[in-house]
Each structure stands twice: as structure tokens, then as C-alpha cells.
Amino acid sequence: MPNIKQQEKRVRTAARQRLENLRYRSTVKTLGRRLQETVAEGGDVTPVHRELVRWIDRAAAHGAIHRNTAGRKKSQAAKLVAAAPAEAAPAPKTRGKAKAKA
């Protein structure tokens, strides 16, 4: 047990931070499993993949996972999406105004 006031505070903040990091890591794992299930079922993988990548980036930014780990997880997810059936992928969206050809 800490016997200095600042050490007691550090124990409390470290416990809160540990729980927050656990939440990030757990969510990334859950979303990874959800992406695998979606690919196996042949569903639309785009929104699940997008959410997974957002959580991975957020976890790396907060220091819950290392940036190389984040890159590796995103790469594995991209491979999984690329291997998914093409019929499940929606048509690409266009941005801006469509220019009329003369």
C-alpha cells in the first residue's frame, strides 16, 4: 500500500486507466470476431469493417494498444474484407456533383 498521498492518487488513476484500456482492447477483439462472422455469413462487411478500424485507431491513439499492433490488426481486417465475396460489397459512392459530358 502506498503511504504517500500522491502515490495513493496514482493507484486510483492507474486503476481507472487500466479499465479504460481493457474496454478498448475488449471492443477491438469483439469487433474483430463480429467481422469474421459477417464475412462467414456473407453479409455486408463495410460498416463492420469501418467500425473496427475506427476503434483500432482510437485504441492506438489512447495508448491501449501499440501502433504497430493497430496496423497489424487493420491489415488483417483488410485481408478478411478483400477475401469476402464481391457480391456483398455495396456499389461505391461518388462525391460531389456529376459533371455532364458534352
N, C-alpha and C. Protein backbone atom coordinates (compact mmCIF):
# COMPACT_ATOMS: atom_id res chain seq x y z
N MET A 1 0.84 -1.19 0.00
CA MET A 1 0.00 0.00 0.00
C MET A 1 0.88 1.25 0.00
N PRO A 2 0.46 2.23 -0.79
CA PRO A 2 1.24 3.48 -0.80
C PRO A 2 1.04 4.25 0.50
N ASN A 3 2.08 4.91 0.93
CA ASN A 3 1.98 5.69 2.16
C ASN A 3 2.15 7.17 1.90
N ILE A 4 2.16 7.57 0.63
CA ILE A 4 2.26 8.97 0.26
C ILE A 4 1.00 9.33 -0.51
N LYS A 5 0.52 10.53 -0.27
CA LYS A 5 -0.76 10.96 -0.85
C LYS A 5 -0.75 10.88 -2.37
N GLN A 6 0.33 11.32 -3.01
CA GLN A 6 0.41 11.29 -4.48
C GLN A 6 0.43 9.85 -5.00
N GLN A 7 1.07 8.97 -4.27
CA GLN A 7 1.08 7.56 -4.69
C GLN A 7 -0.31 6.96 -4.61
N GLU A 8 -1.08 7.33 -3.59
CA GLU A 8 -2.46 6.85 -3.48
C GLU A 8 -3.28 7.31 -4.68
N LYS A 9 -3.07 8.56 -5.08
CA LYS A 9 -3.79 9.09 -6.23
C LYS A 9 -3.37 8.35 -7.51
N ARG A 10 -2.08 8.07 -7.64
CA ARG A 10 -1.60 7.36 -8.83
C ARG A 10 -2.20 5.95 -8.91
N VAL A 11 -2.40 5.31 -7.77
CA VAL A 11 -3.01 3.98 -7.76
C VAL A 11 -4.45 4.08 -8.27
N ARG A 12 -5.17 5.10 -7.83
CA ARG A 12 -6.56 5.28 -8.28
C ARG A 12 -6.63 5.58 -9.77
N THR A 13 -5.77 6.48 -10.26
CA THR A 13 -5.81 6.82 -11.68
C THR A 13 -5.35 5.65 -12.54
N ALA A 14 -4.37 4.89 -12.04
CA ALA A 14 -3.90 3.73 -12.80
C ALA A 14 -5.00 2.68 -12.92
N ALA A 15 -5.79 2.53 -11.87
CA ALA A 15 -6.90 1.56 -11.92
C ALA A 15 -7.95 1.99 -12.93
N ARG A 16 -8.26 3.28 -12.96
CA ARG A 16 -9.23 3.79 -13.94
C ARG A 16 -8.70 3.61 -15.36
N GLN A 17 -7.42 3.93 -15.56
CA GLN A 17 -6.81 3.81 -16.88
C GLN A 17 -6.76 2.36 -17.34
N ARG A 18 -6.49 1.45 -16.41
CA ARG A 18 -6.44 0.03 -16.74
C ARG A 18 -7.81 -0.45 -17.24
N LEU A 19 -8.87 0.00 -16.59
CA LEU A 19 -10.22 -0.37 -17.02
C LEU A 19 -10.55 0.21 -18.39
N GLU A 20 -10.12 1.44 -18.63
CA GLU A 20 -10.37 2.06 -19.93
C GLU A 20 -9.61 1.33 -21.04
N ASN A 21 -8.36 0.98 -20.78
CA ASN A 21 -7.59 0.23 -21.76
C ASN A 21 -8.21 -1.14 -22.02
N LEU A 22 -8.70 -1.76 -20.97
CA LEU A 22 -9.37 -3.06 -21.12
C LEU A 22 -10.60 -2.93 -22.00
N ARG A 23 -11.33 -1.84 -21.83
CA ARG A 23 -12.52 -1.60 -22.66
C ARG A 23 -12.15 -1.47 -24.13
N TYR A 24 -11.09 -0.73 -24.42
CA TYR A 24 -10.65 -0.58 -25.81
C TYR A 24 -10.23 -1.92 -26.41
N ARG A 25 -9.39 -2.65 -25.68
CA ARG A 25 -8.89 -3.93 -26.21
C ARG A 25 -10.02 -4.93 -26.38
N SER A 26 -10.93 -4.97 -25.43
CA SER A 26 -12.05 -5.90 -25.50
C SER A 26 -12.96 -5.56 -26.67
N THR A 27 -13.22 -4.29 -26.89
CA THR A 27 -14.09 -3.88 -28.00
C THR A 27 -13.45 -4.21 -29.34
N VAL A 28 -12.14 -4.01 -29.45
CA VAL A 28 -11.45 -4.34 -30.70
C VAL A 28 -11.56 -5.84 -30.97
N LYS A 29 -11.38 -6.66 -29.94
CA LYS A 29 -11.49 -8.11 -30.12
C LYS A 29 -12.91 -8.50 -30.53
N THR A 30 -13.90 -7.91 -29.87
CA THR A 30 -15.30 -8.23 -30.18
C THR A 30 -15.63 -7.84 -31.61
N LEU A 31 -15.21 -6.66 -32.03
CA LEU A 31 -15.50 -6.22 -33.39
C LEU A 31 -14.75 -7.07 -34.41
N GLY A 32 -13.57 -7.55 -34.06
CA GLY A 32 -12.83 -8.45 -34.95
C GLY A 32 -13.58 -9.76 -35.15
N ARG A 33 -14.12 -10.30 -34.07
CA ARG A 33 -14.92 -11.53 -34.18
C ARG A 33 -16.19 -11.27 -34.98
N ARG A 34 -16.79 -10.11 -34.75
CA ARG A 34 -18.01 -9.76 -35.48
C ARG A 34 -17.74 -9.65 -36.98
N LEU A 35 -16.58 -9.11 -37.35
CA LEU A 35 -16.21 -9.01 -38.76
C LEU A 35 -16.03 -10.41 -39.36
N GLN A 36 -15.36 -11.29 -38.62
CA GLN A 36 -15.18 -12.67 -39.11
C GLN A 36 -16.52 -13.36 -39.31
N GLU A 37 -17.45 -13.17 -38.38
CA GLU A 37 -18.77 -13.78 -38.50
C GLU A 37 -19.52 -13.22 -39.70
N THR A 38 -19.41 -11.92 -39.92
CA THR A 38 -20.10 -11.29 -41.04
C THR A 38 -19.55 -11.80 -42.37
N VAL A 39 -18.23 -11.96 -42.44
CA VAL A 39 -17.63 -12.49 -43.67
C VAL A 39 -18.09 -13.93 -43.90
N ALA A 40 -18.14 -14.72 -42.82
CA ALA A 40 -18.55 -16.12 -42.95
C ALA A 40 -20.01 -16.23 -43.39
N GLU A 41 -20.86 -15.32 -42.91
CA GLU A 41 -22.27 -15.34 -43.27
C GLU A 41 -22.51 -14.76 -44.66
N GLY A 42 -21.57 -14.00 -45.16
CA GLY A 42 -21.72 -13.37 -46.47
C GLY A 42 -22.51 -12.08 -46.43
N GLY A 43 -22.55 -11.43 -45.27
CA GLY A 43 -23.28 -10.17 -45.12
C GLY A 43 -22.45 -8.99 -45.60
N ASP A 44 -23.00 -7.80 -45.39
CA ASP A 44 -22.32 -6.56 -45.78
C ASP A 44 -21.22 -6.26 -44.76
N VAL A 45 -19.97 -6.32 -45.19
CA VAL A 45 -18.84 -6.18 -44.28
C VAL A 45 -18.38 -4.74 -44.12
N THR A 46 -18.82 -3.84 -44.99
CA THR A 46 -18.30 -2.47 -44.98
C THR A 46 -18.55 -1.74 -43.66
N PRO A 47 -19.78 -1.70 -43.13
CA PRO A 47 -19.97 -0.96 -41.87
C PRO A 47 -19.25 -1.60 -40.69
N VAL A 48 -19.18 -2.91 -40.66
CA VAL A 48 -18.50 -3.60 -39.56
C VAL A 48 -17.00 -3.32 -39.63
N HIS A 49 -16.44 -3.36 -40.84
CA HIS A 49 -15.01 -3.08 -41.02
C HIS A 49 -14.70 -1.64 -40.65
N ARG A 50 -15.54 -0.72 -41.07
CA ARG A 50 -15.31 0.70 -40.77
C ARG A 50 -15.31 0.94 -39.26
N GLU A 51 -16.26 0.32 -38.56
CA GLU A 51 -16.32 0.50 -37.11
C GLU A 51 -15.10 -0.11 -36.43
N LEU A 52 -14.66 -1.27 -36.91
CA LEU A 52 -13.47 -1.91 -36.34
C LEU A 52 -12.24 -1.02 -36.51
N VAL A 53 -12.06 -0.46 -37.69
CA VAL A 53 -10.89 0.38 -37.95
C VAL A 53 -10.93 1.63 -37.07
N ARG A 54 -12.11 2.19 -36.88
CA ARG A 54 -12.23 3.37 -36.00
C ARG A 54 -11.81 3.04 -34.58
N TRP A 55 -12.28 1.89 -34.07
CA TRP A 55 -11.94 1.50 -32.71
C TRP A 55 -10.46 1.19 -32.58
N ILE A 56 -9.88 0.57 -33.59
CA ILE A 56 -8.45 0.27 -33.55
C ILE A 56 -7.64 1.56 -33.51
N ASP A 57 -8.00 2.52 -34.36
CA ASP A 57 -7.29 3.80 -34.37
C ASP A 57 -7.44 4.53 -33.04
N ARG A 58 -8.64 4.48 -32.49
CA ARG A 58 -8.90 5.14 -31.21
C ARG A 58 -8.09 4.49 -30.09
N ALA A 59 -8.02 3.16 -30.09
CA ALA A 59 -7.26 2.44 -29.06
C ALA A 59 -5.78 2.78 -29.16
N ALA A 60 -5.26 2.86 -30.39
CA ALA A 60 -3.85 3.20 -30.56
C ALA A 60 -3.58 4.64 -30.14
N ALA A 61 -4.50 5.55 -30.44
CA ALA A 61 -4.32 6.95 -30.08
C ALA A 61 -4.29 7.13 -28.56
N HIS A 62 -5.08 6.33 -27.86
CA HIS A 62 -5.13 6.44 -26.40
C HIS A 62 -4.05 5.62 -25.72
N GLY A 63 -3.31 4.84 -26.49
CA GLY A 63 -2.22 4.07 -25.92
C GLY A 63 -2.65 2.72 -25.36
N ALA A 64 -3.87 2.29 -25.65
CA ALA A 64 -4.33 1.00 -25.16
C ALA A 64 -3.64 -0.15 -25.89
N ILE A 65 -3.31 0.08 -27.18
CA ILE A 65 -2.54 -0.90 -27.95
C ILE A 65 -1.42 -0.15 -28.66
N HIS A 66 -0.37 -0.86 -28.99
CA HIS A 66 0.77 -0.25 -29.68
C HIS A 66 0.38 0.06 -31.12
N ARG A 67 1.01 1.07 -31.71
CA ARG A 67 0.63 1.48 -33.06
C ARG A 67 0.95 0.40 -34.10
N ASN A 68 2.00 -0.39 -33.86
CA ASN A 68 2.29 -1.49 -34.78
C ASN A 68 1.23 -2.58 -34.67
N THR A 69 0.75 -2.82 -33.47
CA THR A 69 -0.33 -3.77 -33.27
C THR A 69 -1.58 -3.29 -33.99
N ALA A 70 -1.85 -2.00 -33.90
CA ALA A 70 -3.00 -1.42 -34.58
C ALA A 70 -2.88 -1.61 -36.09
N GLY A 71 -1.72 -1.35 -36.63
CA GLY A 71 -1.51 -1.53 -38.07
C GLY A 71 -1.69 -2.97 -38.48
N ARG A 72 -1.18 -3.88 -37.66
CA ARG A 72 -1.31 -5.30 -37.98
C ARG A 72 -2.77 -5.75 -37.95
N LYS A 73 -3.51 -5.29 -36.96
CA LYS A 73 -4.93 -5.66 -36.86
C LYS A 73 -5.73 -5.09 -38.03
N LYS A 74 -5.42 -3.86 -38.43
CA LYS A 74 -6.12 -3.27 -39.58
C LYS A 74 -5.78 -4.01 -40.86
N SER A 75 -4.53 -4.43 -40.99
CA SER A 75 -4.13 -5.18 -42.17
C SER A 75 -4.83 -6.53 -42.24
N GLN A 76 -4.92 -7.20 -41.11
CA GLN A 76 -5.62 -8.49 -41.07
C GLN A 76 -7.09 -8.32 -41.40
N ALA A 77 -7.70 -7.24 -40.92
CA ALA A 77 -9.11 -6.99 -41.21
C ALA A 77 -9.31 -6.69 -42.69
N ALA A 78 -8.38 -5.95 -43.28
CA ALA A 78 -8.48 -5.62 -44.70
C ALA A 78 -8.36 -6.88 -45.56
N LYS A 79 -7.47 -7.79 -45.16
CA LYS A 79 -7.35 -9.06 -45.88
C LYS A 79 -8.64 -9.85 -45.81
N LEU A 80 -9.25 -9.84 -44.64
CA LEU A 80 -10.51 -10.57 -44.44
C LEU A 80 -11.60 -9.98 -45.33
N VAL A 81 -11.66 -8.66 -45.41
CA VAL A 81 -12.68 -7.99 -46.23
C VAL A 81 -12.41 -8.25 -47.70
N ALA A 82 -11.15 -8.25 -48.11
CA ALA A 82 -10.81 -8.49 -49.51
C ALA A 82 -11.17 -9.91 -49.93
N ALA A 83 -11.08 -10.85 -48.99
CA ALA A 83 -11.40 -12.24 -49.29
C ALA A 83 -12.91 -12.49 -49.27
N ALA A 84 -13.69 -11.51 -48.79
CA ALA A 84 -15.14 -11.67 -48.73
C ALA A 84 -15.72 -11.70 -50.14
N PRO A 85 -16.86 -12.34 -50.32
CA PRO A 85 -17.49 -12.37 -51.66
C PRO A 85 -17.77 -10.96 -52.15
N ALA A 86 -17.53 -10.73 -53.43
CA ALA A 86 -17.69 -9.39 -54.01
C ALA A 86 -19.15 -8.98 -54.07
N GLU A 87 -20.07 -9.92 -54.11
CA GLU A 87 -21.49 -9.57 -54.22
C GLU A 87 -22.01 -8.89 -52.97
N ALA A 88 -21.34 -9.10 -51.83
CA ALA A 88 -21.81 -8.50 -50.58
C ALA A 88 -21.40 -7.03 -50.48
N ALA A 89 -20.41 -6.61 -51.26
CA ALA A 89 -19.92 -5.23 -51.19
C ALA A 89 -20.88 -4.30 -51.93
N PRO A 90 -21.23 -3.15 -51.32
CA PRO A 90 -22.13 -2.20 -51.99
C PRO A 90 -21.40 -1.45 -53.09
N ALA A 91 -22.18 -0.81 -53.95
CA ALA A 91 -21.60 -0.01 -55.04
C ALA A 91 -20.88 1.19 -54.45
N PRO A 92 -19.74 1.59 -55.02
CA PRO A 92 -19.00 2.74 -54.48
C PRO A 92 -19.81 4.02 -54.65
N LYS A 93 -19.69 4.88 -53.65
CA LYS A 93 -20.40 6.15 -53.69
C LYS A 93 -19.54 7.19 -54.38
N THR A 94 -20.19 8.11 -55.09
CA THR A 94 -19.46 9.19 -55.74
C THR A 94 -19.59 10.44 -54.89
N ARG A 95 -18.60 11.29 -54.96
CA ARG A 95 -18.62 12.53 -54.18
C ARG A 95 -18.80 13.71 -55.13
N GLY A 96 -19.45 14.70 -54.66
CA GLY A 96 -19.59 15.93 -55.43
C GLY A 96 -20.62 15.81 -56.55
N LYS A 97 -20.63 16.84 -57.39
CA LYS A 97 -21.59 16.86 -58.49
C LYS A 97 -21.07 16.03 -59.66
N ALA A 98 -21.98 15.40 -60.33
CA ALA A 98 -21.59 14.66 -61.53
C ALA A 98 -21.51 15.64 -62.68
N LYS A 99 -20.39 15.65 -63.38
CA LYS A 99 -20.22 16.58 -64.48
C LYS A 99 -20.83 15.98 -65.75
N ALA A 100 -21.55 16.80 -66.45
CA ALA A 100 -22.17 16.34 -67.70
C ALA A 100 -21.12 16.38 -68.81
N LYS A 101 -21.07 15.31 -69.57
CA LYS A 101 -20.12 15.27 -70.69
C LYS A 101 -20.77 15.88 -71.90
N ALA A 102 -20.04 16.75 -72.56
CA ALA A 102 -20.60 17.44 -73.72
C ALA A 102 -20.18 16.79 -75.01
